[in-house]
Protein backbone atom coordinates (compact mmCIF):
# COMPACT_ATOMS: atom_id res chain seq x y z
CA MET A 1 88.16 144.39 107.93
CA PRO A 2 88.80 141.89 110.73
CA VAL A 3 90.76 143.48 113.55
CA SER A 4 93.15 141.44 115.64
CA ARG A 5 93.43 142.23 119.36
CA SER A 6 96.99 140.93 119.42
CA ASP A 7 99.41 142.68 121.78
CA LYS A 8 102.27 142.46 119.29
CA THR A 9 103.36 145.95 118.17
CA VAL A 10 106.05 146.68 115.59
CA ASN A 11 106.87 150.21 114.38
CA VAL A 12 108.64 150.39 111.02
CA PRO A 13 109.66 153.70 109.45
CA ALA A 14 108.03 154.51 106.13
CA ALA A 15 110.28 154.49 103.10
CA PRO A 16 111.01 157.99 101.81
CA ILE A 17 109.00 159.11 98.79
CA LYS A 18 110.97 159.23 95.57
CA ALA A 19 109.56 160.94 92.50
CA GLY A 20 108.78 158.55 89.69
CA GLU A 21 108.56 155.43 91.86
CA ASN A 22 105.40 153.52 92.63
CA LEU A 23 103.82 154.93 95.76
CA ARG A 24 102.53 152.95 98.70
CA VAL A 25 99.19 154.57 99.49
CA TRP A 26 96.66 153.73 102.19
CA VAL A 27 93.10 154.93 102.57
CA LEU A 28 91.96 155.24 106.19
CA THR A 29 88.27 155.83 106.96
CA ASP A 30 85.65 154.26 109.19
CA GLY A 31 83.82 153.06 106.08
CA LYS A 32 81.24 155.83 105.64
CA ILE A 33 80.36 156.13 101.96
CA GLY A 34 80.76 159.92 101.80
CA ASP A 35 84.33 159.66 103.09
CA ASP A 36 85.16 156.62 100.96
CA VAL A 37 84.01 158.23 97.70
CA GLN A 38 86.47 161.09 98.05
CA CYS A 39 89.39 159.11 99.47
CA LEU A 40 89.16 156.27 96.96
CA GLY A 41 89.03 158.72 94.07
CA VAL A 42 92.19 160.51 95.20
CA ALA A 43 94.08 157.38 96.26
CA SER A 44 93.38 155.49 93.03
CA ALA A 45 94.72 158.42 91.01
CA LEU A 46 97.89 158.50 93.13
CA ASP A 47 98.42 154.74 93.07
CA PRO A 48 96.02 152.21 91.50
CA ALA A 49 97.44 149.59 93.88
CA PHE A 50 96.44 151.52 97.02
CA GLU A 51 95.21 149.67 100.11
CA LYS A 52 91.89 150.49 101.77
CA ARG A 53 91.98 150.08 105.54
CA VAL A 54 88.97 150.54 107.79
CA VAL A 55 89.40 151.89 111.31
CA ASP A 56 87.06 150.49 113.95
CA PRO A 57 87.78 152.02 117.35
CA ARG A 58 85.83 150.67 120.29
CA PRO A 59 83.08 152.98 121.64
CA PHE A 60 85.20 154.70 124.34
CA TRP A 61 87.98 155.54 121.88
CA ALA A 62 85.53 156.50 119.13
CA ALA A 63 83.93 158.99 121.52
CA LEU A 64 87.33 160.65 122.10
CA ALA A 65 87.96 161.17 118.38
CA PRO A 66 89.27 163.33 116.83
CA TRP A 67 90.98 164.74 119.96
CA GLY A 68 92.04 161.54 121.70
CA PRO A 69 94.53 158.81 120.87
CA VAL A 70 94.01 155.82 118.61
CA ASP A 71 92.35 152.78 120.17
CA PRO A 72 95.29 150.85 121.72
CA ALA A 73 93.94 147.68 120.12
CA GLU A 74 94.51 149.25 116.69
CA ARG A 75 97.74 151.14 117.27
CA PRO A 76 100.50 150.99 114.63
CA GLY A 77 102.04 147.59 114.12
CA ARG A 78 99.25 145.55 115.71
CA ALA A 79 98.97 142.41 113.58
CA GLY A 80 95.66 142.37 111.73
CA GLY A 81 94.88 145.96 112.66
CA PRO A 82 94.32 148.85 110.24
CA LEU A 83 97.83 150.21 110.87
CA ALA A 84 99.65 146.88 110.59
CA GLY A 85 102.75 146.57 108.45
CA PRO A 86 105.30 149.08 107.19
CA PRO A 87 103.78 152.58 107.07
CA PRO A 88 102.88 153.81 103.58
CA ALA A 89 104.41 156.76 101.77
CA VAL A 90 101.01 158.50 101.71
CA ALA A 91 97.86 158.02 103.78
CA VAL A 92 94.58 159.50 102.53
CA ILE A 93 92.26 160.04 105.49
CA SER A 94 88.75 161.36 106.06
CA GLY A 95 86.29 161.35 108.94
CA ARG A 96 86.41 162.24 112.62
CA ARG A 97 87.20 158.73 113.84
CA ALA A 98 90.12 158.34 111.42
CA ILE A 99 92.03 161.47 112.50
CA PRO A 100 93.77 159.87 115.54
CA TYR A 101 95.04 157.14 113.22
CA GLY A 102 96.68 159.77 111.04
CA ARG A 103 98.48 161.19 114.07
CA ALA A 104 99.58 157.72 115.17
CA LEU A 105 100.78 156.82 111.68
CA LYS A 106 102.77 160.02 111.36
CA LYS A 107 104.49 159.34 114.70
CA ALA A 108 105.14 155.66 113.97
CA SER A 109 106.75 156.50 110.63
CA GLY A 110 109.05 159.10 112.17
CA GLY A 111 107.27 161.75 110.12
CA ALA A 112 107.99 160.01 106.81
CA THR A 113 104.36 159.18 105.95
CA LYS A 114 102.64 162.09 104.23
CA ILE A 115 99.13 162.61 105.60
CA VAL A 116 96.41 163.78 103.20
CA ILE A 117 93.16 164.74 104.95
CA LEU A 118 90.03 165.26 102.89
CA LYS A 119 87.34 167.54 104.37
CA ASP A 120 87.95 169.91 107.24
CA PRO A 121 88.45 167.99 110.51
CA ARG A 122 87.98 171.34 112.35
CA VAL A 123 90.54 170.23 114.94
CA SER A 124 93.98 168.67 114.49
CA ARG A 125 94.42 170.36 111.11
CA GLY A 126 98.16 170.34 111.77
CA VAL A 127 98.21 166.56 111.37
CA ALA A 128 97.80 167.04 107.63
CA ASP A 129 100.68 167.58 105.26
CA PHE A 130 97.92 168.35 102.74
CA LEU A 131 94.36 169.31 103.71
CA TRP A 132 91.67 169.50 101.04
CA ALA A 133 88.32 171.10 101.85
CA PRO A 134 85.51 172.35 99.60
CA ALA A 135 85.53 176.08 98.95
CA HIS A 136 82.32 176.57 100.93
CA ASP A 137 84.13 175.51 104.12
CA ARG A 138 86.41 178.58 103.89
CA VAL A 139 89.54 176.75 105.12
CA SER A 140 92.88 178.53 104.82
CA GLY A 141 96.46 177.74 105.80
CA ALA A 142 99.80 176.74 104.36
CA ASN A 143 98.83 173.06 104.17
CA SER A 144 95.32 173.64 102.75
CA PHE A 145 93.86 173.51 99.26
CA SER A 146 90.26 174.09 98.16
CA THR A 147 88.18 173.46 95.06
CA LEU A 148 84.54 174.16 94.35
CA THR A 149 83.59 170.51 93.75
CA SER A 150 84.73 167.39 95.60
CA PRO A 151 86.95 164.54 94.37
CA HIS A 152 85.60 161.17 93.27
CA GLY A 153 86.56 158.24 91.06
CA LEU A 154 83.95 158.46 88.30
CA ALA A 155 86.07 160.02 85.53
CA ALA A 156 87.01 156.70 83.93
CA VAL A 157 83.46 155.35 84.16
CA LEU A 158 81.94 158.48 82.62
CA ALA A 159 84.49 158.43 79.78
CA SER A 160 84.26 154.71 78.98
CA ASP A 161 82.39 153.13 76.07
CA ALA A 162 81.02 150.31 78.24
CA PRO A 163 77.29 149.67 77.76
CA PRO A 164 74.96 150.56 80.63
CA CYS A 165 73.36 148.00 82.91
CA GLU A 166 70.29 146.21 81.57
CA ALA A 167 67.81 148.39 83.49
CA ILE A 168 69.16 151.62 81.98
CA ALA A 169 69.85 150.13 78.54
CA SER A 170 66.20 149.06 78.29
CA LEU A 171 64.88 152.59 78.82
CA GLU A 172 64.04 154.70 75.78
CA LYS A 173 66.12 157.78 75.21
CA PRO A 174 66.28 160.68 75.79
CA MET A 175 66.28 159.99 79.51
CA LEU A 176 65.87 162.33 82.47
CA GLY A 177 67.73 161.27 85.62
CA LEU A 178 66.64 162.08 89.18
CA ILE A 179 69.30 161.67 91.90
CA LEU A 180 67.88 161.81 95.43
CA GLY A 181 69.66 162.64 98.68
CA GLY A 182 68.11 162.40 102.11
CA VAL A 183 68.09 163.23 105.77
CA THR A 184 71.48 164.21 107.20
CA ALA A 185 72.85 163.66 110.70
CA GLY A 186 72.12 167.24 111.66
CA GLY A 187 68.51 166.97 110.47
CA GLY A 188 66.51 169.93 109.24
CA ILE A 189 66.26 168.95 105.55
CA ASP A 190 62.69 168.37 104.41
CA TYR A 191 62.22 164.85 103.06
CA SER A 192 58.59 164.62 104.11
CA VAL A 193 55.79 162.99 102.12
CA ALA A 194 54.51 166.47 101.27
CA ALA A 195 57.93 167.39 99.86
CA ALA A 196 57.93 164.17 97.81
CA GLU A 197 54.54 164.96 96.33
CA ASP A 198 55.60 168.50 95.45
CA LEU A 199 58.80 167.25 93.80
CA ALA A 200 56.91 164.52 91.95
CA GLN A 201 54.55 167.02 90.36
CA ARG A 202 57.41 169.20 89.15
CA VAL A 203 59.47 166.25 87.91
CA SER A 204 56.43 164.89 86.06
CA ASP A 205 56.12 168.21 84.23
CA ALA A 206 59.83 168.25 83.38
CA ALA A 207 59.81 164.62 82.22
CA LYS A 208 57.17 165.30 79.53
CA GLU A 209 60.07 166.19 77.24
CA TYR A 210 61.79 162.83 77.86
CA ALA A 211 61.01 159.27 76.79
CA SER A 212 62.05 157.87 80.18
CA LEU A 213 62.68 158.93 83.76
CA ALA A 214 65.24 157.10 85.91
CA VAL A 215 65.23 157.64 89.68
CA THR A 216 67.83 156.48 92.16
CA PRO A 217 67.68 157.05 95.92
CA SER A 218 70.65 157.35 98.25
CA ARG A 219 71.15 155.45 101.49
CA ARG A 220 69.74 158.51 103.25
CA THR A 221 66.49 158.72 101.29
CA PRO A 222 63.59 157.92 103.67
CA PRO A 223 61.52 154.97 102.36
CA ALA A 224 58.28 156.93 102.89
CA PHE A 225 59.61 159.78 100.73
CA LEU A 226 60.63 157.42 97.94
CA GLU A 227 57.31 155.56 97.94
CA ALA A 228 55.31 158.80 97.94
CA LEU A 229 57.43 160.12 95.07
CA LYS A 230 56.90 157.00 92.96
CA ARG A 231 53.14 157.03 93.59
CA ALA A 232 52.82 160.69 92.61
CA ILE A 233 55.06 160.74 89.50
CA VAL A 234 53.14 160.57 86.25
CA HIS A 235 55.27 159.12 83.45
CA ASP A 236 54.93 155.97 81.32
CA GLY A 237 58.71 155.46 81.18
CA LEU A 238 59.40 155.58 84.93
CA PHE A 239 62.18 153.43 86.37
CA ALA A 240 62.98 153.71 90.09
CA TRP A 241 65.78 151.65 91.59
CA ASP A 242 64.38 149.55 94.43
CA ARG A 243 67.72 149.19 96.26
CA GLN A 244 67.99 145.57 95.07
CA GLY A 245 71.13 144.57 93.19
CA ALA A 246 73.70 147.03 91.87
CA ASN A 247 72.86 150.71 91.98
CA PRO A 248 72.57 152.09 88.40
CA TYR A 249 73.70 155.50 89.70
CA ALA A 250 76.77 155.84 87.46
CA ASP A 251 74.83 154.72 84.38
CA ILE A 252 72.12 157.28 85.10
CA LEU A 253 74.79 159.99 85.31
CA LYS A 254 76.37 158.83 82.08
CA HIS A 255 73.31 158.22 79.91
CA SER A 256 70.87 160.96 80.93
CA GLY A 257 70.25 163.93 78.69
CA ALA A 258 69.59 165.97 81.83
CA LEU A 259 69.94 165.32 85.56
CA ILE A 260 67.99 166.63 88.51
CA VAL A 261 70.15 166.19 91.62
CA ALA A 262 69.30 166.88 95.25
CA GLY A 263 71.11 169.88 96.71
CA ASP A 264 71.76 168.31 100.11
CA SER A 265 74.78 166.25 98.98
CA HIS A 266 77.96 168.00 97.89
CA ASN A 267 79.38 164.69 96.68
CA MET A 268 76.37 163.88 94.48
CA MET A 269 76.22 167.38 93.01
CA SER A 270 79.96 167.18 92.27
CA GLU A 271 79.55 163.82 90.54
CA ALA A 272 76.61 165.07 88.49
CA LEU A 273 78.64 168.10 87.43
CA ALA A 274 81.39 165.75 86.18
CA SER A 275 78.95 164.23 83.69
CA LYS A 276 78.09 165.57 80.24
CA ALA A 277 74.40 165.91 81.10
CA ALA A 278 72.59 169.19 81.67
CA VAL A 279 72.49 169.52 85.47
CA TYR A 280 69.56 170.90 87.49
CA ILE A 281 69.75 171.20 91.27
CA TRP A 282 66.66 170.61 93.38
CA ARG A 283 66.75 172.60 96.61
CA PRO A 284 64.90 170.80 99.41
CA ASN A 285 63.87 173.04 102.27
CA GLY A 286 66.26 173.28 105.20
CA LEU A 287 69.59 173.39 103.37
CA ALA A 288 72.57 174.81 105.25
CA ALA A 289 73.81 178.25 104.19
CA LYS A 290 77.05 176.81 102.81
CA MET A 291 75.16 174.41 100.54
CA ASN A 292 73.01 177.26 99.25
CA TRP A 293 76.23 179.20 98.58
CA PHE A 294 77.63 176.30 96.57
CA ILE A 295 74.43 175.92 94.56
CA ASP A 296 74.26 179.64 93.83
CA THR A 297 77.93 179.63 92.78
CA VAL A 298 77.72 176.75 90.29
CA ALA A 299 74.47 178.14 88.92
CA GLY A 300 76.05 181.59 88.59
CA GLU A 301 78.95 180.07 86.63
CA GLY A 302 76.57 178.30 84.26
CA SER A 303 77.61 174.81 85.35
CA ALA A 304 74.10 174.03 86.60
CA ARG A 305 70.62 175.50 86.80
CA ILE A 306 68.12 175.61 89.65
CA PHE A 307 65.30 173.11 89.15
CA GLU A 308 61.78 174.48 89.11
CA ASP A 309 59.45 172.47 86.85
CA SER A 310 61.32 172.00 83.56
CA ALA A 311 64.68 170.54 82.57
CA PRO A 312 65.54 171.18 78.93
CA VAL A 313 68.98 170.11 77.74
CA PHE A 314 71.57 172.90 77.66
CA ALA A 315 75.25 172.97 76.78
CA ARG A 316 77.78 172.98 79.60
CA ARG A 317 81.31 171.80 80.31
CA PRO A 318 81.84 168.92 82.75
CA VAL A 319 83.47 169.98 86.03
CA ASP A 320 85.74 167.56 87.90
CA ALA A 321 88.26 168.74 90.50
CA THR A 322 89.81 165.30 91.16
CA ALA A 323 92.74 165.63 88.74
CA GLU A 324 93.45 169.15 90.02
CA ILE A 325 93.56 167.95 93.63
CA VAL A 326 95.82 164.99 92.80
CA ALA A 327 98.16 167.22 90.76
CA GLU A 328 98.44 169.61 93.72
CA ILE A 329 99.29 166.74 96.07
CA ARG A 330 102.01 165.53 93.71
CA THR A 331 103.42 169.04 93.37
CA ARG A 332 103.53 169.67 97.10
CA PHE A 333 105.07 166.29 97.84
CA GLY A 334 107.60 166.59 95.00
CA LEU A 335 106.16 163.69 93.02
CA VAL A 336 105.72 163.09 89.32
CA PRO A 337 103.38 160.55 87.72
CA ASP A 338 104.91 157.11 87.37
CA ALA A 339 106.35 156.31 83.93
CA ASP A 340 104.53 153.72 81.85
């Protein structure tokens, strides 16, 4: 969002939260998709009229996050800034660069704004009135709450009767979906051409039982990996999203008989597990120990299977922690859902 560099600063206390009333909820992130997915899912369940605000600290102040103060140009009350206007009742925050804004908002509101932090910030945990982290992060404390899978906003989409986009509607069913991840900031995960060719051979074998195969990459999928995968896959009903137009990701989740999902993204595995499809997890080489723990846990519970070279449909119950997380927030903050 545009950020004003105005010097005008006005601090207004947040209105106290009253159970049963409409909440004023903000989402504060720096715009990264992984943070947005979780925050938007939680915020929309708390208050469909929530506001999304993007923090954009200048380089010096960004480098100080999460320990340092908020960029003075974006401090509370600055007209046009991400903290402009009366503080909300609840702020849902995620990401290192957003943490100082949570501290500033709490101070500006006189402690009235409840701060919900999603994912372990590792420092400044005390800023949170409610801290959610995935179980594999092993976070504990009076203000913390953990679930195996992460929150998102796909429940309504997965449950709706809306027809799929044209690309997915045109594919013959049954359909096998392939959800790709990619290289992470820490590196180490193998998304080489050799890995693509190996995966392609195994997916081709698995897809023999399906009339079509739908592939969607993430923003992190290296182009060379995707191109090598498409060249090596053998299937007459192959569709691979080319990153042009709307991503058919949600429709692939919803309309696949089975899904193969990359094990390097906790968010994508969580979203796949929320679907009704049979879920198989592909383990690229170089996964962190905590991701391997998560994969082993969901496989041990029967919610998913490890992908080798086949993907037959099997019965399973969808898993979605979003409602559980939102219910816990409401309980801890003394809220009840708004009356219709």
